[in-house]
Amino acid sequence: MAEYKIKFEVFEGPLDLLLYLIKKEEVDIYEVNLTQLATQFIEYIDLMRMLDLELAGEFLVMASTLMYIKSRELLPVEQQVQTEGEDDGEDPRWELIRQLVEYKKFKDAAAQLSKREDEQANIFTRQSPDAGIEADNDVPLAEVSIFDLINAFNEVLKKASAREDFHEILEERFTVSDKIEEILYTLRDRSEMIFSELFANAGSRAEVVVTFLALLELIRMKRLKVLQAEAFGEIRVIKAA
């Protein structure tokens, strides 16, 4: 993989990732289990590091904050009280929840403004323009975030690792350049494919990683786009017009 360095910039920040994880768990922000959230956040950080994605310093700061909150919540109640008494500042757990609530309000307001602009211009930006797509033509397709992609990649990696013929350690025989050509060849006579199809024949962890990096590079090059009909639904890989 060294011959092809992928730098797929993550535009979303740590609060976006936290809101994504909360939405995935289908819980209210005020009721979220921050101990569990911290574990999931660190898992995504580790995945982004493994993929060598651009990781802003804010993610590492948030990871430290979550681990601190997690360590506090794991303490006995009496020790938590003592710790809080030593610090005149606000409880970091409720400070984080306050930030999430305010940020969600901001994002929701921005989304509403964007929706109104699209309606006024009579432009349906959430629909796929590909005429070659036969199925679900009337279903709006939402754009996929980097967190959606990482989540799908993680699921594929877990399922592949459970296969008997899957190898965790294998001599590298694949390059990103090779996988880019393979993906494009697979789509030569098709307009789209399901995300998981890309990894159906992957026999090792290295091959799964390289295939995913090839997909990211093709997205960055605007050769492919990724859409889904519903939140956390199946991701569709579509040839760009």
Protein backbone atom coordinates (compact mmCIF):
# COMPACT_ATOMS: atom_id res chain seq x y z
CA MET A 1 0.00 0.00 0.00
CA ALA A 2 3.00 2.27 0.41
CA GLU A 3 3.11 3.04 -3.33
CA TYR A 4 -0.27 4.78 -3.20
CA LYS A 5 -0.86 7.10 -0.27
CA ILE A 6 -4.55 7.92 0.21
CA LYS A 7 -5.41 11.21 1.85
CA PHE A 8 -9.22 11.35 1.92
CA GLU A 9 -9.90 14.42 3.99
CA VAL A 10 -12.56 14.08 6.68
CA PHE A 11 -14.60 17.28 6.58
CA GLU A 12 -16.88 16.28 9.44
CA GLY A 13 -15.64 16.87 12.97
CA PRO A 14 -15.80 14.90 16.23
CA LEU A 15 -19.26 16.23 17.12
CA ASP A 16 -20.53 14.96 13.77
CA LEU A 17 -19.16 11.51 14.59
CA LEU A 18 -20.76 11.55 18.05
CA LEU A 19 -24.15 12.54 16.61
CA TYR A 20 -23.77 9.82 13.98
CA LEU A 21 -23.11 7.20 16.68
CA ILE A 22 -26.02 8.44 18.81
CA LYS A 23 -28.37 8.28 15.80
CA LYS A 24 -27.10 4.80 15.04
CA GLU A 25 -27.99 3.69 18.58
CA GLU A 26 -31.43 5.31 18.24
CA VAL A 27 -31.29 6.99 21.65
CA ASP A 28 -31.97 10.51 22.88
CA ILE A 29 -28.90 12.68 23.39
CA TYR A 30 -29.76 13.17 27.06
CA GLU A 31 -30.01 9.41 27.60
CA VAL A 32 -26.89 8.36 25.74
CA ASN A 33 -24.47 5.99 27.47
CA LEU A 34 -21.24 7.97 27.23
CA THR A 35 -19.17 4.99 28.38
CA GLN A 36 -20.42 2.97 25.42
CA LEU A 37 -20.15 6.00 23.14
CA ALA A 38 -16.50 6.47 24.13
CA THR A 39 -15.71 2.87 23.17
CA GLN A 40 -17.39 3.26 19.77
CA PHE A 41 -15.69 6.62 19.14
CA ILE A 42 -12.26 5.12 19.82
CA GLU A 43 -13.09 2.21 17.49
CA TYR A 44 -13.76 4.69 14.66
CA ILE A 45 -10.56 6.59 15.48
CA ASP A 46 -8.59 3.34 15.26
CA LEU A 47 -10.22 2.50 11.92
CA MET A 48 -9.40 5.94 10.51
CA ARG A 49 -5.80 5.56 11.67
CA MET A 50 -5.57 2.10 10.11
CA LEU A 51 -6.83 3.55 6.82
CA ASP A 52 -4.41 6.48 7.14
CA LEU A 53 -7.20 9.04 6.73
CA GLU A 54 -6.59 12.65 7.60
CA LEU A 55 -7.40 12.93 11.30
CA ALA A 56 -7.83 16.41 12.73
CA GLY A 57 -6.48 17.12 16.21
CA GLU A 58 -10.03 17.78 17.43
CA PHE A 59 -10.77 14.06 17.14
CA LEU A 60 -7.92 13.22 19.49
CA VAL A 61 -9.00 15.90 21.95
CA MET A 62 -12.55 14.52 21.92
CA ALA A 63 -11.21 10.98 22.38
CA SER A 64 -9.32 12.14 25.49
CA THR A 65 -12.43 13.89 26.83
CA LEU A 66 -14.56 10.78 26.30
CA MET A 67 -12.00 8.53 27.96
CA TYR A 68 -11.88 10.89 30.94
CA ILE A 69 -15.67 10.86 31.23
CA LYS A 70 -15.67 7.07 30.87
CA SER A 71 -13.09 6.69 33.65
CA ARG A 72 -15.17 8.92 35.95
CA GLU A 73 -18.37 6.98 35.31
CA LEU A 74 -16.63 3.71 36.10
CA LEU A 75 -15.69 4.98 39.56
CA PRO A 76 -17.89 4.25 42.60
CA VAL A 77 -20.47 6.99 43.22
CA GLU A 78 -18.73 8.29 46.36
CA GLN A 79 -15.48 8.73 44.49
CA GLN A 80 -17.26 10.54 41.67
CA VAL A 81 -18.64 13.03 44.18
CA GLN A 82 -15.18 13.64 45.60
CA THR A 83 -13.75 14.22 42.16
CA GLU A 84 -16.49 16.69 41.30
CA GLY A 85 -15.94 18.50 44.58
CA GLU A 86 -12.30 19.07 43.74
CA ASP A 87 -13.23 20.87 40.52
CA ASP A 88 -15.36 24.01 40.52
CA GLY A 89 -16.00 23.65 36.78
CA GLU A 90 -19.00 22.09 35.10
CA ASP A 91 -19.45 18.33 34.93
CA PRO A 92 -17.69 17.37 31.66
CA ARG A 93 -20.46 14.87 30.83
CA TRP A 94 -23.19 17.52 30.83
CA GLU A 95 -20.90 20.03 29.13
CA LEU A 96 -20.44 17.56 26.26
CA ILE A 97 -24.17 16.86 26.05
CA ARG A 98 -24.83 20.61 25.95
CA GLN A 99 -22.38 20.95 23.05
CA LEU A 100 -24.06 18.08 21.21
CA VAL A 101 -27.55 19.57 21.67
CA GLU A 102 -26.43 22.99 20.44
CA TYR A 103 -24.53 21.53 17.50
CA LYS A 104 -27.49 19.36 16.51
CA LYS A 105 -29.74 22.45 16.51
CA PHE A 106 -27.24 24.19 14.23
CA LYS A 107 -27.04 21.21 11.85
CA ASP A 108 -30.83 20.78 11.74
CA ALA A 109 -31.29 24.47 10.97
CA ALA A 110 -28.68 24.31 8.20
CA ALA A 111 -30.37 21.22 6.75
CA GLN A 112 -33.74 22.98 6.71
CA LEU A 113 -32.27 25.99 4.93
CA SER A 114 -30.64 23.74 2.35
CA LYS A 115 -33.92 21.89 1.82
CA ARG A 116 -35.80 25.15 1.25
CA GLU A 117 -33.19 26.31 -1.25
CA ASP A 118 -33.56 23.05 -3.18
CA GLU A 119 -37.37 23.32 -3.14
CA GLN A 120 -37.29 26.91 -4.34
CA ALA A 121 -34.90 26.05 -7.15
CA ASN A 122 -36.97 22.95 -7.96
CA ILE A 123 -33.81 20.83 -7.76
CA PHE A 124 -33.93 17.38 -6.21
CA THR A 125 -30.29 16.95 -5.24
CA ARG A 126 -30.96 13.85 -3.16
CA GLN A 127 -32.05 11.77 -6.14
CA SER A 128 -29.72 9.76 -8.31
CA PRO A 129 -29.40 11.24 -11.81
CA ASP A 130 -28.37 7.90 -13.33
CA ALA A 131 -30.97 6.87 -15.87
CA GLY A 132 -29.49 3.39 -15.94
CA ILE A 133 -30.70 2.56 -12.43
CA GLU A 134 -33.79 0.42 -12.79
CA ALA A 135 -34.65 -0.40 -9.18
CA ASP A 136 -36.13 2.05 -6.70
CA ASN A 137 -36.25 4.93 -9.17
CA ASP A 138 -38.75 6.75 -6.97
CA VAL A 139 -36.71 6.40 -3.78
CA PRO A 140 -34.66 9.49 -2.82
CA LEU A 141 -31.01 8.57 -2.31
CA ALA A 142 -29.14 10.37 0.47
CA GLU A 143 -25.48 11.22 0.19
CA VAL A 144 -23.18 9.01 2.23
CA SER A 145 -20.81 10.50 4.80
CA ILE A 146 -17.30 9.27 5.55
CA PHE A 147 -18.69 7.80 8.78
CA ASP A 148 -21.25 5.78 6.83
CA LEU A 149 -18.42 4.41 4.72
CA ILE A 150 -16.25 3.57 7.72
CA ASN A 151 -19.20 1.90 9.43
CA ALA A 152 -19.89 -0.22 6.32
CA PHE A 153 -16.18 -1.03 6.01
CA ASN A 154 -16.09 -2.13 9.66
CA GLU A 155 -19.08 -4.43 9.14
CA VAL A 156 -17.50 -5.98 6.04
CA LEU A 157 -14.22 -6.51 7.88
CA LYS A 158 -15.95 -8.19 10.83
CA LYS A 159 -17.96 -10.52 8.58
CA ALA A 160 -14.92 -11.37 6.48
CA SER A 161 -12.83 -12.09 9.58
CA ALA A 162 -15.39 -14.72 10.64
CA ARG A 163 -14.86 -16.71 7.43
CA GLU A 164 -12.69 -19.81 7.67
CA ASP A 165 -10.83 -18.96 4.47
CA PHE A 166 -10.03 -15.41 5.60
CA HIS A 167 -6.45 -14.56 6.57
CA GLU A 168 -5.57 -11.84 9.06
CA ILE A 169 -1.90 -11.87 8.01
CA LEU A 170 -0.91 -12.40 4.40
CA GLU A 171 1.92 -11.23 2.19
CA GLU A 172 0.80 -8.08 0.40
CA ARG A 173 -0.14 -8.91 -3.18
CA PHE A 174 -2.54 -6.07 -3.83
CA THR A 175 -2.08 -2.38 -4.57
CA VAL A 176 -4.60 0.44 -4.57
CA SER A 177 -3.89 1.00 -8.27
CA ASP A 178 -4.72 -2.63 -9.03
CA LYS A 179 -7.95 -2.47 -7.05
CA ILE A 180 -8.99 0.77 -8.77
CA GLU A 181 -8.68 -0.97 -12.13
CA GLU A 182 -10.53 -4.02 -10.79
CA ILE A 183 -13.47 -1.96 -9.49
CA LEU A 184 -13.77 0.00 -12.72
CA TYR A 185 -13.59 -3.23 -14.74
CA THR A 186 -16.35 -4.76 -12.62
CA LEU A 187 -18.54 -1.74 -13.34
CA ARG A 188 -17.76 -1.61 -17.07
CA ASP A 189 -21.16 -3.04 -18.02
CA ARG A 190 -23.06 -1.95 -14.92
CA SER A 191 -24.22 1.39 -13.59
CA GLU A 192 -23.98 0.40 -9.92
CA MET A 193 -23.21 -2.28 -7.38
CA ILE A 194 -23.78 -2.90 -3.69
CA PHE A 195 -20.94 -1.84 -1.35
CA SER A 196 -20.50 -5.32 0.12
CA GLU A 197 -20.05 -6.81 -3.38
CA LEU A 198 -16.69 -5.07 -3.60
CA PHE A 199 -15.31 -7.33 -0.88
CA ALA A 200 -17.07 -10.59 -1.73
CA ASN A 201 -13.87 -12.30 -2.91
CA ALA A 202 -11.41 -10.64 -0.52
CA GLY A 203 -9.29 -13.31 1.13
CA SER A 204 -7.36 -11.24 3.65
CA ARG A 205 -7.52 -8.19 5.87
CA ALA A 206 -4.97 -6.46 3.63
CA GLU A 207 -7.14 -7.01 0.55
CA VAL A 208 -10.23 -5.60 2.30
CA VAL A 209 -8.28 -2.50 3.36
CA VAL A 210 -6.74 -1.92 -0.08
CA THR A 211 -10.13 -2.36 -1.79
CA PHE A 212 -11.70 0.20 0.54
CA LEU A 213 -8.87 2.68 -0.07
CA ALA A 214 -9.34 2.19 -3.82
CA LEU A 215 -13.03 3.02 -3.42
CA LEU A 216 -12.19 6.18 -1.45
CA GLU A 217 -9.76 7.25 -4.14
CA LEU A 218 -12.35 6.72 -6.88
CA ILE A 219 -14.84 8.80 -4.87
CA ARG A 220 -12.22 11.52 -4.41
CA MET A 221 -11.54 11.46 -8.16
CA LYS A 222 -15.33 11.73 -8.76
CA ARG A 223 -15.29 8.52 -10.79
CA LEU A 224 -17.78 6.93 -8.39
CA LYS A 225 -20.35 8.14 -5.89
CA VAL A 226 -21.97 6.37 -2.97
CA LEU A 227 -25.63 6.76 -2.00
CA GLN A 228 -28.15 5.05 0.25
CA ALA A 229 -31.94 5.02 0.35
CA GLU A 230 -32.17 5.27 4.15
CA ALA A 231 -29.96 6.05 7.12
CA PHE A 232 -27.60 3.15 7.88
CA GLY A 233 -29.07 1.26 4.94
CA GLU A 234 -27.27 -0.60 2.19
CA ILE A 235 -24.74 1.60 0.41
CA ARG A 236 -24.90 1.67 -3.39
CA VAL A 237 -21.75 2.38 -5.40
CA ILE A 238 -22.70 4.21 -8.60
CA LYS A 239 -20.69 5.26 -11.63
CA ALA A 240 -20.52 9.04 -11.87
CA ALA A 241 -22.07 10.59 -14.94
